[in-house]
Amino acid sequence: MAIHSAKMMASILCLLGINGLSYGAFANESLEHIDSSSHSLLPSEKIESLAVTLDLGWDSKYISQGRNNLQDGGIYWLNTSVQYGYWTTYALVGRGDSQAYTEWNLGLEYGFNLVENFDANLGYQRIEGYGSSRCQDNELFAELAYTATPWLIPSINYVYSTEANGYFVEMSLHSFWNITDHFSLTPYITQGFDFKYRTAEHNGKNNLQFGLESNYQLSPNMSVSGHISHSIAQGDIEQEATANGDTSSQDQTYAGIHFTMTL
């Protein structure tokens, strides 16, 4: 959101009638806890019958909270989600494209309208990561967005990790623009704050990320989406790097592409 990074624009597109998804899921085989943005930023419109969505994607790097979580290459993603009413359940699997790493995310979320123009999500997910070591976590998340105007959508995302006993907050602005009937562009900016979620030694500013999302609707139930994103390291990342003796730049630039089909 992704949070998704890249992550969080997918649900905004869905809310505005676009089926494209772009997940920037999170993991690190060297961490004791990992997280994912496979859940939506915003609740989709209520669906009385079952809707199944399949999403296949690739990211050039595995970025979460401004950190590159894999030493080599990027990561492939396959996500299956099932929505009925305001409830959505999902299973997401990621595989490193250049090193041995596999991650599973299983989750359940509930989306609802808090008041007019305020849309919210509440959910839980279980995360299992397998690489040179195994990592696992349980997460609780909550998200809120103000959707009165598509050209400026402010949102806030909260995630709590039971493994780390800490939480991470992202405050974002997205601006959705229809270029044609089938093609849209969405610039965004996100400020992240870490509170003992990735590191226990520092609380506060973690990273500032901005980027551009695009979506092309191939048909009413198929779309291709992409993103390019840049993350600027701040206090939490910089202090972690200094403690590890790393003096190189911690800024990250990455891109991704996804194909989505709704059945």
C-alpha atoms as a PDB file:
ATOM      1  CA  MET A   1       0.000   0.000   0.000  1.00  0.00           C
ATOM      2  CA  ALA A   2       2.043  -1.102   0.300  1.00  0.00           C
ATOM      3  CA  ILE A   3       2.045  -0.632   2.258  1.00  0.00           C
ATOM      4  CA  HIS A   4       1.934  -1.207  -0.216  1.00  0.00           C
ATOM      5  CA  SER A   5       3.913   0.458  -1.644  1.00  0.00           C
ATOM      6  CA  ALA A   6       3.280   0.178  -5.028  1.00  0.00           C
ATOM      7  CA  LYS A   7       1.414  -1.405  -2.882  1.00  0.00           C
ATOM      8  CA  MET A   8      -1.550   0.695  -1.906  1.00  0.00           C
ATOM      9  CA  MET A   9      -2.749   2.145  -5.213  1.00  0.00           C
ATOM     10  CA  ALA A  10      -4.353  -1.128  -6.318  1.00  0.00           C
ATOM     11  CA  SER A  11      -7.312  -0.786  -3.974  1.00  0.00           C
ATOM     12  CA  ILE A  12      -7.908   2.830  -4.920  1.00  0.00           C
ATOM     13  CA  LEU A  13      -8.142   1.743  -8.550  1.00  0.00           C
ATOM     14  CA  CYS A  14     -10.576  -0.985  -7.532  1.00  0.00           C
ATOM     15  CA  LEU A  15     -12.716   1.457  -5.559  1.00  0.00           C
ATOM     16  CA  LEU A  16     -12.927   3.759  -8.592  1.00  0.00           C
ATOM     17  CA  GLY A  17     -13.993   0.918 -10.888  1.00  0.00           C
ATOM     18  CA  ILE A  18     -10.558  -0.249 -12.084  1.00  0.00           C
ATOM     19  CA  ASN A  19      -9.685  -3.926 -11.693  1.00  0.00           C
ATOM     20  CA  GLY A  20      -5.907  -3.562 -11.824  1.00  0.00           C
ATOM     21  CA  LEU A  21      -3.908  -4.594  -8.772  1.00  0.00           C
ATOM     22  CA  SER A  22      -0.301  -3.872  -7.831  1.00  0.00           C
ATOM     23  CA  TYR A  23       1.067  -5.536  -4.706  1.00  0.00           C
ATOM     24  CA  GLY A  24       4.260  -4.520  -3.025  1.00  0.00           C
ATOM     25  CA  ALA A  25       4.350  -7.252  -0.468  1.00  0.00           C
ATOM     26  CA  PHE A  26       6.879  -7.198   2.326  1.00  0.00           C
ATOM     27  CA  ALA A  27       9.379  -9.747   3.585  1.00  0.00           C
ATOM     28  CA  ASN A  28      12.917 -10.243   4.768  1.00  0.00           C
ATOM     29  CA  GLU A  29      14.464 -13.643   5.327  1.00  0.00           C
ATOM     30  CA  SER A  30      16.907 -12.097   7.825  1.00  0.00           C
ATOM     31  CA  LEU A  31      14.144 -10.666  10.013  1.00  0.00           C
ATOM     32  CA  GLU A  32      12.226 -12.310  12.801  1.00  0.00           C
ATOM     33  CA  HIS A  33       9.034 -10.790  11.444  1.00  0.00           C
ATOM     34  CA  ILE A  34       7.771  -9.927   7.999  1.00  0.00           C
ATOM     35  CA  ASP A  35       4.727  -8.151   6.664  1.00  0.00           C
ATOM     36  CA  SER A  36       2.638  -7.902   3.531  1.00  0.00           C
ATOM     37  CA  SER A  37       0.386  -5.446   1.781  1.00  0.00           C
ATOM     38  CA  SER A  38      -1.656  -8.067   0.044  1.00  0.00           C
ATOM     39  CA  HIS A  39      -4.758  -6.633   1.685  1.00  0.00           C
ATOM     40  CA  SER A  40      -6.550  -3.735   0.009  1.00  0.00           C
ATOM     41  CA  LEU A  41      -6.058  -0.150   0.976  1.00  0.00           C
ATOM     42  CA  LEU A  42      -9.722   0.618   0.456  1.00  0.00           C
ATOM     43  CA  PRO A  43     -12.814  -1.600   0.582  1.00  0.00           C
ATOM     44  CA  SER A  44     -14.270  -2.598  -2.752  1.00  0.00           C
ATOM     45  CA  GLU A  45     -17.897  -1.998  -3.601  1.00  0.00           C
ATOM     46  CA  LYS A  46     -20.119  -4.532  -1.849  1.00  0.00           C
ATOM     47  CA  ILE A  47     -20.603  -7.711  -3.926  1.00  0.00           C
ATOM     48  CA  GLU A  48     -23.589  -9.962  -3.144  1.00  0.00           C
ATOM     49  CA  SER A  49     -22.272 -12.928  -5.178  1.00  0.00           C
ATOM     50  CA  LEU A  50     -18.799 -14.406  -5.069  1.00  0.00           C
ATOM     51  CA  ALA A  51     -16.042 -12.656  -7.023  1.00  0.00           C
ATOM     52  CA  VAL A  52     -12.661 -14.325  -7.531  1.00  0.00           C
ATOM     53  CA  THR A  53      -9.610 -12.274  -8.553  1.00  0.00           C
ATOM     54  CA  LEU A  54      -6.309 -13.672  -9.825  1.00  0.00           C
ATOM     55  CA  ASP A  55      -3.228 -11.426  -9.944  1.00  0.00           C
ATOM     56  CA  LEU A  56       0.194 -12.324 -11.361  1.00  0.00           C
ATOM     57  CA  GLY A  57       3.018  -9.815 -10.966  1.00  0.00           C
ATOM     58  CA  TRP A  58       6.724  -9.092 -10.726  1.00  0.00           C
ATOM     59  CA  ASP A  59       8.719  -6.422  -8.885  1.00  0.00           C
ATOM     60  CA  SER A  60      12.317  -5.571  -9.839  1.00  0.00           C
ATOM     61  CA  LYS A  61      13.253  -5.393  -6.140  1.00  0.00           C
ATOM     62  CA  TYR A  62      11.579  -6.645  -2.986  1.00  0.00           C
ATOM     63  CA  ILE A  63      11.031  -3.351  -1.148  1.00  0.00           C
ATOM     64  CA  SER A  64       9.162  -2.855   2.122  1.00  0.00           C
ATOM     65  CA  GLN A  65       9.403   0.073   4.523  1.00  0.00           C
ATOM     66  CA  GLY A  66      12.098   1.507   2.258  1.00  0.00           C
ATOM     67  CA  ARG A  67      14.371  -1.546   2.543  1.00  0.00           C
ATOM     68  CA  ASN A  68      15.557  -3.997  -0.110  1.00  0.00           C
ATOM     69  CA  ASN A  69      14.712  -7.357   1.450  1.00  0.00           C
ATOM     70  CA  LEU A  70      16.474  -9.669  -1.022  1.00  0.00           C
ATOM     71  CA  GLN A  71      20.182  -9.577  -1.811  1.00  0.00           C
ATOM     72  CA  ASP A  72      19.710 -10.522  -5.465  1.00  0.00           C
ATOM     73  CA  GLY A  73      17.060  -9.740  -8.051  1.00  0.00           C
ATOM     74  CA  GLY A  74      13.338  -9.211  -7.715  1.00  0.00           C
ATOM     75  CA  ILE A  75      10.295 -11.279  -6.853  1.00  0.00           C
ATOM     76  CA  TYR A  76       7.283 -12.878  -8.578  1.00  0.00           C
ATOM     77  CA  TRP A  77       3.827 -12.745  -6.976  1.00  0.00           C
ATOM     78  CA  LEU A  78       0.668 -14.803  -7.424  1.00  0.00           C
ATOM     79  CA  ASN A  79      -2.399 -13.713  -5.498  1.00  0.00           C
ATOM     80  CA  THR A  80      -5.881 -15.240  -5.330  1.00  0.00           C
ATOM     81  CA  SER A  81      -8.639 -13.383  -3.499  1.00  0.00           C
ATOM     82  CA  VAL A  82     -12.313 -14.169  -2.952  1.00  0.00           C
ATOM     83  CA  GLN A  83     -14.799 -11.435  -2.111  1.00  0.00           C
ATOM     84  CA  TYR A  84     -18.371 -11.772  -0.862  1.00  0.00           C
ATOM     85  CA  GLY A  85     -20.151  -8.697   0.411  1.00  0.00           C
ATOM     86  CA  TYR A  86     -17.700  -6.654   2.455  1.00  0.00           C
ATOM     87  CA  TRP A  87     -15.559  -9.699   3.300  1.00  0.00           C
ATOM     88  CA  THR A  88     -12.410 -10.653   1.373  1.00  0.00           C
ATOM     89  CA  THR A  89     -10.086 -13.590   1.944  1.00  0.00           C
ATOM     90  CA  TYR A  90      -6.798 -13.998   0.084  1.00  0.00           C
ATOM     91  CA  ALA A  91      -3.766 -16.229  -0.416  1.00  0.00           C
ATOM     92  CA  LEU A  92      -0.571 -14.663  -1.767  1.00  0.00           C
ATOM     93  CA  VAL A  93       2.660 -16.467  -2.649  1.00  0.00           C
ATOM     94  CA  GLY A  94       5.951 -14.813  -3.617  1.00  0.00           C
ATOM     95  CA  ARG A  95       9.092 -16.409  -5.120  1.00  0.00           C
ATOM     96  CA  GLY A  96      12.465 -14.743  -5.562  1.00  0.00           C
ATOM     97  CA  ASP A  97      13.578 -14.606  -9.195  1.00  0.00           C
ATOM     98  CA  SER A  98      17.330 -14.806  -8.434  1.00  0.00           C
ATOM     99  CA  GLN A  99      17.623 -16.416  -4.992  1.00  0.00           C
ATOM    100  CA  ALA A 100      15.841 -19.056  -2.954  1.00  0.00           C
ATOM    101  CA  TYR A 101      13.045 -17.300  -1.124  1.00  0.00           C
ATOM    102  CA  THR A 102       9.352 -18.184  -0.807  1.00  0.00           C
ATOM    103  CA  GLU A 103       6.674 -16.364   1.157  1.00  0.00           C
ATOM    104  CA  TRP A 104       3.031 -17.174   1.897  1.00  0.00           C
ATOM    105  CA  ASN A 105       0.428 -14.688   3.106  1.00  0.00           C
ATOM    106  CA  LEU A 106      -3.061 -15.808   4.177  1.00  0.00           C
ATOM    107  CA  GLY A 107      -5.527 -13.187   5.285  1.00  0.00           C
ATOM    108  CA  LEU A 108      -9.085 -12.062   5.944  1.00  0.00           C
ATOM    109  CA  GLU A 109     -10.337  -8.477   5.848  1.00  0.00           C
ATOM    110  CA  TYR A 110     -13.581  -6.563   6.277  1.00  0.00           C
ATOM    111  CA  GLY A 111     -14.201  -3.331   4.360  1.00  0.00           C
ATOM    112  CA  PHE A 112     -16.891  -0.829   5.291  1.00  0.00           C
ATOM    113  CA  ASN A 113     -17.971   2.808   5.075  1.00  0.00           C
ATOM    114  CA  LEU A 114     -17.226   4.486   8.385  1.00  0.00           C
ATOM    115  CA  VAL A 115     -19.192   7.606   7.422  1.00  0.00           C
ATOM    116  CA  GLU A 116     -19.845   9.252   4.053  1.00  0.00           C
ATOM    117  CA  ASN A 117     -16.612   9.394   1.979  1.00  0.00           C
ATOM    118  CA  PHE A 118     -14.609   7.637   4.701  1.00  0.00           C
ATOM    119  CA  ASP A 119     -13.810   4.030   3.761  1.00  0.00           C
ATOM    120  CA  ALA A 120     -12.083   1.632   6.133  1.00  0.00           C
ATOM    121  CA  ASN A 121     -10.599  -1.866   6.280  1.00  0.00           C
ATOM    122  CA  LEU A 122      -9.886  -4.109   9.252  1.00  0.00           C
ATOM    123  CA  GLY A 123      -8.078  -7.413   8.924  1.00  0.00           C
ATOM    124  CA  TYR A 124      -5.700 -10.153   9.984  1.00  0.00           C
ATOM    125  CA  GLN A 125      -3.004 -12.040   8.088  1.00  0.00           C
ATOM    126  CA  ARG A 126      -0.617 -14.910   8.743  1.00  0.00           C
ATOM    127  CA  ILE A 127       2.812 -14.726   7.109  1.00  0.00           C
ATOM    128  CA  GLU A 128       5.344 -17.519   6.522  1.00  0.00           C
ATOM    129  CA  GLY A 129       8.700 -16.912   4.813  1.00  0.00           C
ATOM    130  CA  TYR A 130      11.239 -19.549   3.734  1.00  0.00           C
ATOM    131  CA  GLY A 131      14.813 -18.773   2.679  1.00  0.00           C
ATOM    132  CA  SER A 132      18.154 -19.359   4.374  1.00  0.00           C
ATOM    133  CA  SER A 133      16.067 -19.199   7.553  1.00  0.00           C
ATOM    134  CA  ARG A 134      12.367 -19.315   8.333  1.00  0.00           C
ATOM    135  CA  CYS A 135      10.397 -16.240   9.423  1.00  0.00           C
ATOM    136  CA  GLN A 136       6.769 -15.949  10.472  1.00  0.00           C
ATOM    137  CA  ASP A 137       4.368 -13.395  11.859  1.00  0.00           C
ATOM    138  CA  ASN A 138       0.763 -12.574  12.692  1.00  0.00           C
ATOM    139  CA  GLU A 139      -0.433  -9.098  11.777  1.00  0.00           C
ATOM    140  CA  LEU A 140      -3.450  -6.956  12.492  1.00  0.00           C
ATOM    141  CA  PHE A 141      -4.105  -4.042  10.162  1.00  0.00           C
ATOM    142  CA  ALA A 142      -6.463  -1.093   9.822  1.00  0.00           C
ATOM    143  CA  GLU A 143      -6.806   1.421   6.993  1.00  0.00           C
ATOM    144  CA  LEU A 144      -8.806   4.603   6.474  1.00  0.00           C
ATOM    145  CA  ALA A 145      -9.174   6.774   3.352  1.00  0.00           C
ATOM    146  CA  TYR A 146     -11.138   9.896   2.439  1.00  0.00           C
ATOM    147  CA  THR A 147     -12.507   9.384  -1.079  1.00  0.00           C
ATOM    148  CA  ALA A 148     -14.638  12.453  -1.819  1.00  0.00           C
ATOM    149  CA  THR A 149     -12.397  13.561  -4.699  1.00  0.00           C
ATOM    150  CA  PRO A 150     -10.461  11.063  -6.857  1.00  0.00           C
ATOM    151  CA  TRP A 151      -7.794  13.650  -7.719  1.00  0.00           C
ATOM    152  CA  LEU A 152      -6.697  13.813  -4.067  1.00  0.00           C
ATOM    153  CA  ILE A 153      -7.211  10.806  -1.775  1.00  0.00           C
ATOM    154  CA  PRO A 154      -5.564  11.006   1.659  1.00  0.00           C
ATOM    155  CA  SER A 155      -5.209   7.744   3.570  1.00  0.00           C
ATOM    156  CA  ILE A 156      -3.595   6.260   6.656  1.00  0.00           C
ATOM    157  CA  ASN A 157      -2.474   2.663   7.121  1.00  0.00           C
ATOM    158  CA  TYR A 158      -1.677   0.943  10.440  1.00  0.00           C
ATOM    159  CA  VAL A 159      -0.093  -2.496  10.839  1.00  0.00           C
ATOM    160  CA  TYR A 160       0.721  -4.255  14.130  1.00  0.00           C
ATOM    161  CA  SER A 161       3.164  -7.172  14.298  1.00  0.00           C
ATOM    162  CA  THR A 162       2.725  -9.679  17.128  1.00  0.00           C
ATOM    163  CA  GLU A 163       6.242 -11.052  16.506  1.00  0.00           C
ATOM    164  CA  ALA A 164       7.941  -7.652  16.815  1.00  0.00           C
ATOM    165  CA  ASN A 165       5.398  -6.235  19.286  1.00  0.00           C
ATOM    166  CA  GLY A 166       5.541  -3.007  17.288  1.00  0.00           C
ATOM    167  CA  TYR A 167       3.617  -1.113  14.636  1.00  0.00           C
ATOM    168  CA  PHE A 168       4.155   0.782  11.399  1.00  0.00           C
ATOM    169  CA  VAL A 169       2.127   3.767  10.137  1.00  0.00           C
ATOM    170  CA  GLU A 170       1.938   5.144   6.585  1.00  0.00           C
ATOM    171  CA  MET A 171       0.280   8.434   5.632  1.00  0.00           C
ATOM    172  CA  SER A 172      -0.351   8.796   1.892  1.00  0.00           C
ATOM    173  CA  LEU A 173      -1.759  11.049  -0.813  1.00  0.00           C
ATOM    174  CA  HIS A 174      -2.880   9.560  -4.147  1.00  0.00           C
ATOM    175  CA  SER A 175      -4.160  11.465  -7.170  1.00  0.00           C
ATOM    176  CA  PHE A 176      -6.195   9.437  -9.691  1.00  0.00           C
ATOM    177  CA  TRP A 177      -6.478  10.643 -13.328  1.00  0.00           C
ATOM    178  CA  ASN A 178      -8.310   9.022 -16.251  1.00  0.00           C
ATOM    179  CA  ILE A 179      -6.213   9.717 -19.347  1.00  0.00           C
ATOM    180  CA  THR A 180      -8.559   7.735 -21.627  1.00  0.00           C
ATOM    181  CA  ASP A 181     -11.546   5.452 -21.055  1.00  0.00           C
ATOM    182  CA  HIS A 182      -9.122   2.546 -20.570  1.00  0.00           C
ATOM    183  CA  PHE A 183      -5.925   4.142 -19.268  1.00  0.00           C
ATOM    184  CA  SER A 184      -5.267   5.880 -15.939  1.00  0.00           C
ATOM    185  CA  LEU A 185      -2.268   7.390 -14.139  1.00  0.00           C
ATOM    186  CA  THR A 186      -1.921   7.889 -10.393  1.00  0.00           C
ATOM    187  CA  PRO A 187       0.994   9.728  -8.772  1.00  0.00           C
ATOM    188  CA  TYR A 188       1.391   9.185  -5.025  1.00  0.00           C
ATOM    189  CA  ILE A 189       3.506  10.106  -2.029  1.00  0.00           C
ATOM    190  CA  THR A 190       3.793   8.199   1.267  1.00  0.00           C
ATOM    191  CA  GLN A 191       5.439   9.005   4.587  1.00  0.00           C
ATOM    192  CA  GLY A 192       6.282   6.009   6.785  1.00  0.00           C
ATOM    193  CA  PHE A 193       6.791   5.940  10.560  1.00  0.00           C
ATOM    194  CA  ASP A 194       8.292   3.001  12.456  1.00  0.00           C
ATOM    195  CA  PHE A 195       7.496   2.220  16.094  1.00  0.00           C
ATOM    196  CA  LYS A 196       9.540  -0.880  16.986  1.00  0.00           C
ATOM    197  CA  TYR A 197       8.190  -2.647  13.893  1.00  0.00           C
ATOM    198  CA  ARG A 198      11.408  -3.075  11.892  1.00  0.00           C
ATOM    199  CA  THR A 199      13.864  -1.843  14.540  1.00  0.00           C
ATOM    200  CA  ALA A 200      13.560  -1.575  18.316  1.00  0.00           C
ATOM    201  CA  GLU A 201      16.214   1.146  18.748  1.00  0.00           C
ATOM    202  CA  HIS A 202      14.549   4.069  16.966  1.00  0.00           C
ATOM    203  CA  ASN A 203      10.993   5.385  16.712  1.00  0.00           C
ATOM    204  CA  GLY A 204       9.797   7.967  14.219  1.00  0.00           C
ATOM    205  CA  LYS A 205      10.383   8.787  10.553  1.00  0.00           C
ATOM    206  CA  ASN A 206      11.352   5.763   8.480  1.00  0.00           C
ATOM    207  CA  ASN A 207      11.129   6.663   4.773  1.00  0.00           C
ATOM    208  CA  LEU A 208       9.486   8.991   2.265  1.00  0.00           C
ATOM    209  CA  GLN A 209       8.312   7.265  -0.900  1.00  0.00           C
ATOM    210  CA  PHE A 210       6.788   8.627  -4.100  1.00  0.00           C
ATOM    211  CA  GLY A 211       5.982   7.170  -7.479  1.00  0.00           C
ATOM    212  CA  LEU A 212       3.639   6.770 -10.415  1.00  0.00           C
ATOM    213  CA  GLU A 213       1.033   4.037 -10.927  1.00  0.00           C
ATOM    214  CA  SER A 214      -0.529   3.210 -14.294  1.00  0.00           C
ATOM    215  CA  ASN A 215      -3.427   0.960 -15.265  1.00  0.00           C
ATOM    216  CA  TYR A 216      -4.739  -0.201 -18.649  1.00  0.00           C
ATOM    217  CA  GLN A 217      -8.128  -1.918 -18.813  1.00  0.00           C
ATOM    218  CA  LEU A 218      -7.918  -4.705 -21.404  1.00  0.00           C
ATOM    219  CA  SER A 219     -11.543  -5.744 -20.895  1.00  0.00           C
ATOM    220  CA  PRO A 220     -14.215  -5.355 -18.186  1.00  0.00           C
ATOM    221  CA  ASN A 221     -12.555  -8.129 -16.167  1.00  0.00           C
ATOM    222  CA  MET A 222      -8.862  -7.959 -17.205  1.00  0.00           C
ATOM    223  CA  SER A 223      -6.229  -5.262 -16.756  1.00  0.00           C
ATOM    224  CA  VAL A 224      -2.484  -4.617 -16.795  1.00  0.00           C
ATOM    225  CA  SER A 225      -0.962  -2.259 -14.225  1.00  0.00           C
ATOM    226  CA  GLY A 226       2.536  -1.023 -13.475  1.00  0.00           C
ATOM    227  CA  HIS A 227       4.461   1.288 -11.187  1.00  0.00           C
ATOM    228  CA  ILE A 228       7.785   3.001 -10.707  1.00  0.00           C
ATOM    229  CA  SER A 229       8.665   4.068  -7.165  1.00  0.00           C
ATOM    230  CA  HIS A 230      11.486   5.785  -5.292  1.00  0.00           C
ATOM    231  CA  SER A 231      12.061   5.618  -1.524  1.00  0.00           C
ATOM    232  CA  ILE A 232      14.195   8.114   0.412  1.00  0.00           C
ATOM    233  CA  ALA A 233      15.712   6.695   3.606  1.00  0.00           C
ATOM    234  CA  GLN A 234      15.094   8.590   6.842  1.00  0.00           C
ATOM    235  CA  GLY A 235      16.008   8.251  10.519  1.00  0.00           C
ATOM    236  CA  ASP A 236      15.043   4.650  11.232  1.00  0.00           C
ATOM    237  CA  ILE A 237      16.698   3.219   8.112  1.00  0.00           C
ATOM    238  CA  GLU A 238      19.778   5.449   8.408  1.00  0.00           C
ATOM    239  CA  GLN A 239      20.389   4.550  12.058  1.00  0.00           C
ATOM    240  CA  GLU A 240      19.967   0.842  11.289  1.00  0.00           C
ATOM    241  CA  ALA A 241      22.487   1.097   8.432  1.00  0.00           C
ATOM    242  CA  THR A 242      24.981   2.998  10.616  1.00  0.00           C
ATOM    243  CA  ALA A 243      24.696   0.360  13.355  1.00  0.00           C
ATOM    244  CA  ASN A 244      25.464  -2.318  10.734  1.00  0.00           C
ATOM    245  CA  GLY A 245      28.477  -0.384   9.411  1.00  0.00           C
ATOM    246  CA  ASP A 246      26.833   0.309   6.045  1.00  0.00           C
ATOM    247  CA  THR A 247      27.755   3.769   4.709  1.00  0.00           C
ATOM    248  CA  SER A 248      26.190   3.367   1.245  1.00  0.00           C
ATOM    249  CA  SER A 249      23.016   5.160   0.163  1.00  0.00           C
ATOM    250  CA  GLN A 250      19.875   3.516   1.525  1.00  0.00           C
ATOM    251  CA  ASP A 251      17.566   5.105  -1.066  1.00  0.00           C
ATOM    252  CA  GLN A 252      15.716   2.633  -3.296  1.00  0.00           C
ATOM    253  CA  THR A 253      14.225   2.790  -6.800  1.00  0.00           C
ATOM    254  CA  TYR A 254      12.179  -0.085  -8.210  1.00  0.00           C
ATOM    255  CA  ALA A 255       9.366  -0.930 -10.630  1.00  0.00           C
ATOM    256  CA  GLY A 256       6.782  -3.625 -11.192  1.00  0.00           C
ATOM    257  CA  ILE A 257       4.069  -4.942 -13.507  1.00  0.00           C
ATOM    258  CA  HIS A 258       0.886  -6.960 -12.823  1.00  0.00           C
ATOM    259  CA  PHE A 259      -1.802  -8.733 -14.798  1.00  0.00           C
ATOM    260  CA  THR A 260      -5.208  -9.053 -13.103  1.00  0.00           C
ATOM    261  CA  MET A 261      -8.316 -11.026 -13.989  1.00  0.00           C
ATOM    262  CA  THR A 262     -11.635 -11.118 -12.126  1.00  0.00           C
ATOM    263  CA  LEU A 263     -13.853 -14.183 -12.561  1.00  0.00           C
END
